[in-house]
Amino acid sequence: MGDDKELTPSKYDMNAKWDACIDLTLRRFVYSSLAGAFGGLLFFRSPVTRWASVAFDAGIGIGSAYTDCSSLFGGYSPKLAPPKLDDAPAPKEQVE
């Protein structure tokens, strides 16, 4: 009748996090590679530079997916907080 399964919050559901991370990584890799291929065809004549454009954009896609996945798994926040003024040391004034 009733399920004896415990409902886990999404914060602790590692399978959902891995699924979301793999999905995000694959999508960003493919879309950025296609954008690099299109940009390479549009701007470059040599096959070497076209492949370099594809590889560069694929790296950008993987890097951005890595950043988002690391914040999803509880790593550092991708948004940097500004430093607090209370933490900064007071400047020393020299009296002449």
Protein backbone atom coordinates (compact mmCIF):
# COMPACT_ATOMS: atom_id res chain seq x y z
CA MET A 1 0.00 0.00 0.00
CA GLY A 2 2.39 2.64 1.17
CA ASP A 3 5.95 3.06 0.19
CA ASP A 4 8.49 2.58 2.93
CA LYS A 5 10.98 4.70 1.06
CA GLU A 6 12.30 7.71 2.79
CA LEU A 7 12.00 10.91 0.80
CA THR A 8 15.39 12.51 0.60
CA PRO A 9 15.69 16.20 -0.07
CA SER A 10 17.27 17.19 -3.37
CA LYS A 11 20.21 18.52 -1.37
CA TYR A 12 21.29 14.94 -0.59
CA ASP A 13 20.13 13.21 -3.78
CA MET A 14 23.47 12.45 -5.42
CA ASN A 15 21.97 10.60 -8.39
CA ALA A 16 19.95 13.65 -9.41
CA LYS A 17 23.01 15.85 -9.03
CA TRP A 18 25.13 13.57 -11.20
CA ASP A 19 22.39 13.34 -13.82
CA ALA A 20 22.04 17.10 -13.94
CA CYS A 21 25.81 17.56 -14.10
CA ILE A 22 26.29 15.04 -16.93
CA ASP A 23 23.40 16.54 -18.86
CA LEU A 24 24.76 20.05 -18.42
CA THR A 25 28.28 19.00 -19.44
CA LEU A 26 27.17 17.18 -22.58
CA ARG A 27 24.89 19.99 -23.70
CA ARG A 28 27.50 22.70 -23.16
CA PHE A 29 30.21 20.62 -24.85
CA VAL A 30 28.08 19.95 -27.94
CA TYR A 31 26.63 23.45 -28.26
CA SER A 32 29.95 25.20 -27.79
CA SER A 33 31.67 22.80 -30.23
CA LEU A 34 29.01 23.55 -32.82
CA ALA A 35 29.44 27.26 -32.22
CA GLY A 36 33.21 26.84 -32.66
CA ALA A 37 32.69 24.89 -35.88
CA PHE A 38 30.39 27.56 -37.25
CA GLY A 39 32.78 30.34 -36.21
CA GLY A 40 35.71 28.43 -37.70
CA LEU A 41 33.91 28.02 -41.01
CA LEU A 42 32.94 31.67 -41.00
CA PHE A 43 36.25 33.25 -40.00
CA PHE A 44 39.10 30.87 -40.86
CA ARG A 45 40.35 29.28 -44.06
CA SER A 46 42.84 26.73 -42.80
CA PRO A 47 41.58 23.40 -41.43
CA VAL A 48 44.03 23.66 -38.54
CA THR A 49 42.62 26.96 -37.33
CA ARG A 50 39.08 25.66 -37.77
CA TRP A 51 39.84 22.68 -35.54
CA ALA A 52 41.54 24.97 -33.08
CA SER A 53 38.38 27.07 -32.94
CA VAL A 54 36.30 23.95 -32.26
CA ALA A 55 38.70 22.77 -29.54
CA PHE A 56 38.84 26.19 -27.88
CA ASP A 57 35.06 26.52 -27.75
CA ALA A 58 34.69 22.93 -26.51
CA GLY A 59 37.08 23.79 -23.69
CA ILE A 60 35.01 26.83 -22.82
CA GLY A 61 31.88 24.66 -22.67
CA ILE A 62 33.51 22.04 -20.46
CA GLY A 63 35.00 24.70 -18.19
CA SER A 64 31.70 26.47 -17.67
CA ALA A 65 29.97 23.15 -16.98
CA TYR A 66 32.69 22.25 -14.46
CA THR A 67 32.16 25.55 -12.66
CA ASP A 68 28.41 25.05 -12.42
CA CYS A 69 28.75 21.41 -11.36
CA SER A 70 31.25 22.22 -8.63
CA SER A 71 28.83 24.75 -7.16
CA LEU A 72 26.03 22.17 -7.47
CA PHE A 73 28.00 19.67 -5.39
CA GLY A 74 28.63 22.21 -2.66
CA GLY A 75 31.95 23.56 -3.81
CA TYR A 76 32.80 27.18 -4.07
CA SER A 77 30.25 29.68 -5.24
CA PRO A 78 30.75 30.92 -8.80
CA LYS A 79 29.71 34.41 -7.75
CA LEU A 80 32.42 36.20 -5.86
CA ALA A 81 31.29 38.25 -2.92
CA PRO A 82 32.79 41.71 -2.51
CA PRO A 83 35.16 42.04 0.44
CA LYS A 84 33.73 43.50 3.62
CA LEU A 85 35.08 46.87 4.67
CA ASP A 86 35.38 45.74 8.30
CA ASP A 87 37.91 43.07 7.33
CA ALA A 88 40.22 45.48 5.54
CA PRO A 89 43.01 46.94 7.66
CA ALA A 90 42.89 50.66 8.29
CA PRO A 91 45.50 52.63 6.35
CA LYS A 92 48.33 53.99 8.43
CA GLU A 93 48.78 57.73 8.30
CA GLN A 94 52.23 59.14 8.52
CA VAL A 95 52.68 62.37 10.49
CA GLU A 96 55.47 64.59 9.26
